[in-house]
Amino acid sequence: MKNGILIGMLLFLTACQHPTVYVYTKGLTALQKQKLAEQLQQQTLPFQFTELPVPKEFSAATLLTSEDKILTSETEQLANIMQAMGYQPQLNYVSVANHYYSDGNIGFYLRGEQIEQGFEMPKQMHTTACTEDRYNGLKVRFVDNLVEFTLLNGARAQLVWQYVRSFLQ
């Protein structure tokens, strides 16, 4: 009889467990954290903020979900929260063998210092801080992901550019 009650209670407790969203943040302002908490309260899963660091290999916005129990609707809600905060979420599915998340639990990672909100590349700039002074002051024009400029000898050049950690490269 005792074993029957014990098994019944165990089944009851297992049935009551809900997947949880474990939230990891780094470099968010107080306002961003407040906005995030408000938005997380609007979604359907319980959530818990953690004090552990965001792994370096994760992008600025990463969702980790288990392969054993995929919660499509809930994961989409969390991705929408990231997008509303100005992030482009990356979704990774992990197996139980990786010791990450199982049973529908989800990892929600945001790294604030890598967000570049409101950056808009100007159409034209002048070069500065070149290692050789003669290249300072060249007029460069930006077209999509290319920069076009004319060298001192009159040759036209095109290079691919990117904006990385507040620097144009």
Protein backbone atom coordinates (compact mmCIF):
# COMPACT_ATOMS: atom_id res chain seq x y z
CA MET A 1 0.00 0.00 0.00
CA LYS A 2 2.82 2.41 0.91
CA ASN A 3 4.53 1.75 -2.44
CA GLY A 4 1.27 2.44 -4.27
CA ILE A 5 0.85 5.81 -2.54
CA LEU A 6 4.50 6.67 -3.16
CA ILE A 7 4.20 5.84 -6.86
CA GLY A 8 0.95 7.81 -7.08
CA MET A 9 2.56 10.88 -5.48
CA LEU A 10 5.59 10.61 -7.75
CA LEU A 11 3.36 10.47 -10.84
CA PHE A 12 1.37 13.44 -9.53
CA LEU A 13 4.52 15.51 -8.94
CA THR A 14 5.92 14.59 -12.35
CA ALA A 15 2.67 15.62 -14.03
CA CYS A 16 2.75 18.98 -12.22
CA GLN A 17 6.24 19.93 -13.42
CA HIS A 18 6.27 22.64 -16.06
CA PRO A 19 9.13 23.44 -18.38
CA THR A 20 10.98 26.54 -17.21
CA VAL A 21 12.79 29.33 -19.05
CA TYR A 22 16.21 29.96 -17.52
CA VAL A 23 17.21 33.55 -18.26
CA TYR A 24 20.88 34.57 -18.50
CA THR A 25 21.78 38.22 -19.14
CA LYS A 26 24.95 40.25 -19.34
CA GLY A 27 25.47 43.94 -19.95
CA LEU A 28 21.80 44.95 -19.98
CA THR A 29 20.80 48.33 -18.59
CA ALA A 30 18.34 48.50 -15.69
CA LEU A 31 15.66 49.66 -18.14
CA GLN A 32 16.37 46.73 -20.48
CA LYS A 33 16.14 44.28 -17.57
CA GLN A 34 12.85 45.79 -16.48
CA LYS A 35 11.45 45.62 -20.02
CA LEU A 36 12.63 42.01 -20.33
CA ALA A 37 10.97 40.99 -17.04
CA GLU A 38 7.70 42.63 -18.12
CA GLN A 39 7.75 40.82 -21.45
CA LEU A 40 8.64 37.47 -19.89
CA GLN A 41 5.62 37.79 -17.60
CA GLN A 42 3.42 38.00 -20.70
CA GLN A 43 4.55 34.62 -22.08
CA THR A 44 3.15 31.29 -20.89
CA LEU A 45 6.11 29.50 -19.24
CA PRO A 46 7.50 30.15 -15.76
CA PHE A 47 10.92 31.82 -15.88
CA GLN A 48 13.87 32.17 -13.58
CA PHE A 49 16.76 34.66 -13.79
CA THR A 50 20.16 33.12 -13.15
CA GLU A 51 23.42 34.70 -12.04
CA LEU A 52 25.66 32.55 -14.24
CA PRO A 53 27.56 34.22 -17.11
CA VAL A 54 26.49 34.00 -20.75
CA PRO A 55 28.93 31.66 -22.53
CA LYS A 56 31.28 33.49 -24.92
CA GLU A 57 30.46 31.18 -27.82
CA PHE A 58 26.77 32.15 -27.79
CA SER A 59 25.53 34.97 -29.98
CA ALA A 60 24.10 38.14 -28.39
CA ALA A 61 20.65 36.49 -28.39
CA THR A 62 20.48 32.72 -28.09
CA LEU A 63 17.68 30.31 -27.26
CA LEU A 64 18.60 26.74 -26.30
CA THR A 65 15.86 24.13 -26.34
CA SER A 66 15.93 20.41 -25.74
CA GLU A 67 15.41 17.95 -28.57
CA ASP A 68 13.35 15.64 -26.38
CA LYS A 69 10.41 18.01 -25.90
CA ILE A 70 10.17 20.91 -28.34
CA LEU A 71 7.73 23.66 -27.36
CA THR A 72 7.29 25.44 -30.68
CA SER A 73 4.75 28.06 -29.63
CA GLU A 74 6.59 28.98 -26.44
CA THR A 75 9.95 29.16 -28.22
CA GLU A 76 8.40 31.46 -30.82
CA GLN A 77 7.08 33.72 -28.03
CA LEU A 78 10.57 33.95 -26.53
CA ALA A 79 12.14 34.71 -29.93
CA ASN A 80 9.58 37.49 -30.41
CA ILE A 81 10.62 38.99 -27.05
CA MET A 82 14.25 39.04 -28.20
CA GLN A 83 13.28 40.69 -31.49
CA ALA A 84 11.17 43.30 -29.68
CA MET A 85 14.28 44.22 -27.69
CA GLY A 86 16.29 44.74 -30.89
CA TYR A 87 18.06 41.38 -31.08
CA GLN A 88 18.22 38.78 -33.83
CA PRO A 89 17.71 35.48 -31.97
CA GLN A 90 19.64 32.32 -32.74
CA LEU A 91 17.86 29.05 -31.91
CA ASN A 92 19.85 25.93 -30.98
CA TYR A 93 18.44 22.48 -30.26
CA VAL A 94 20.51 20.45 -27.81
CA SER A 95 20.33 16.84 -26.71
CA VAL A 96 20.22 15.55 -23.15
CA ALA A 97 23.72 14.15 -23.70
CA ASN A 98 25.06 17.71 -23.94
CA HIS A 99 23.94 18.40 -20.34
CA TYR A 100 22.05 21.52 -21.33
CA TYR A 101 18.26 21.43 -21.34
CA SER A 102 15.75 18.59 -21.32
CA ASP A 103 12.06 18.06 -20.62
CA GLY A 104 11.08 21.21 -22.50
CA ASN A 105 13.24 23.59 -20.45
CA ILE A 106 14.63 26.53 -22.43
CA GLY A 107 17.76 28.65 -21.98
CA PHE A 108 17.29 32.35 -22.81
CA TYR A 109 20.60 34.23 -23.24
CA LEU A 110 20.98 37.99 -23.87
CA ARG A 111 24.27 39.86 -24.05
CA GLY A 112 23.76 43.63 -24.01
CA GLU A 113 27.16 44.94 -25.01
CA GLN A 114 26.89 43.46 -28.50
CA ILE A 115 23.65 45.15 -29.42
CA GLU A 116 24.00 47.93 -31.96
CA GLN A 117 20.61 49.59 -31.88
CA GLY A 118 19.94 52.48 -34.19
CA PHE A 119 23.23 52.29 -36.10
CA GLU A 120 22.86 53.49 -39.67
CA MET A 121 25.80 53.68 -42.03
CA PRO A 122 26.17 57.11 -43.65
CA LYS A 123 26.32 57.19 -47.45
CA GLN A 124 29.71 58.90 -47.50
CA MET A 125 32.68 59.35 -45.13
CA HIS A 126 36.33 60.40 -45.16
CA THR A 127 39.16 58.12 -44.05
CA THR A 128 40.93 58.95 -40.79
CA ALA A 129 43.60 57.44 -38.54
CA CYS A 130 45.29 55.60 -41.42
CA THR A 131 48.75 54.19 -40.75
CA GLU A 132 50.03 56.25 -43.67
CA ASP A 133 48.97 59.92 -43.62
CA ARG A 134 48.61 60.06 -47.39
CA TYR A 135 45.50 57.84 -47.13
CA ASN A 136 43.78 60.14 -44.63
CA GLY A 137 40.98 62.23 -46.07
CA LEU A 138 40.00 59.88 -48.91
CA LYS A 139 36.31 60.11 -49.73
CA VAL A 140 34.56 56.73 -49.40
CA ARG A 141 31.02 55.84 -50.45
CA PHE A 142 28.96 52.97 -49.00
CA VAL A 143 26.74 50.81 -51.19
CA ASP A 144 25.08 47.86 -49.43
CA ASN A 145 27.96 45.89 -47.89
CA LEU A 146 30.61 47.46 -50.16
CA VAL A 147 32.73 50.58 -49.70
CA GLU A 148 33.92 52.32 -52.85
CA PHE A 149 36.82 54.77 -53.02
CA THR A 150 39.46 56.14 -55.38
CA LEU A 151 43.13 55.66 -54.50
CA LEU A 152 45.71 58.43 -54.86
CA ASN A 153 46.83 57.06 -58.25
CA GLY A 154 43.25 57.28 -59.57
CA ALA A 155 42.45 53.55 -59.36
CA ARG A 156 38.94 52.77 -58.11
CA ALA A 157 38.62 50.15 -55.37
CA GLN A 158 35.79 48.26 -53.66
CA LEU A 159 36.00 46.46 -50.33
CA VAL A 160 33.49 44.63 -48.16
CA TRP A 161 32.83 46.39 -44.85
CA GLN A 162 31.29 45.34 -41.54
CA TYR A 163 30.49 47.05 -38.25
CA VAL A 164 32.05 45.10 -35.37
CA ARG A 165 31.99 46.21 -31.72
CA SER A 166 31.59 49.91 -32.51
CA PHE A 167 34.29 49.91 -35.21
CA LEU A 168 33.96 50.01 -38.97
CA GLN A 169 36.21 47.37 -40.55
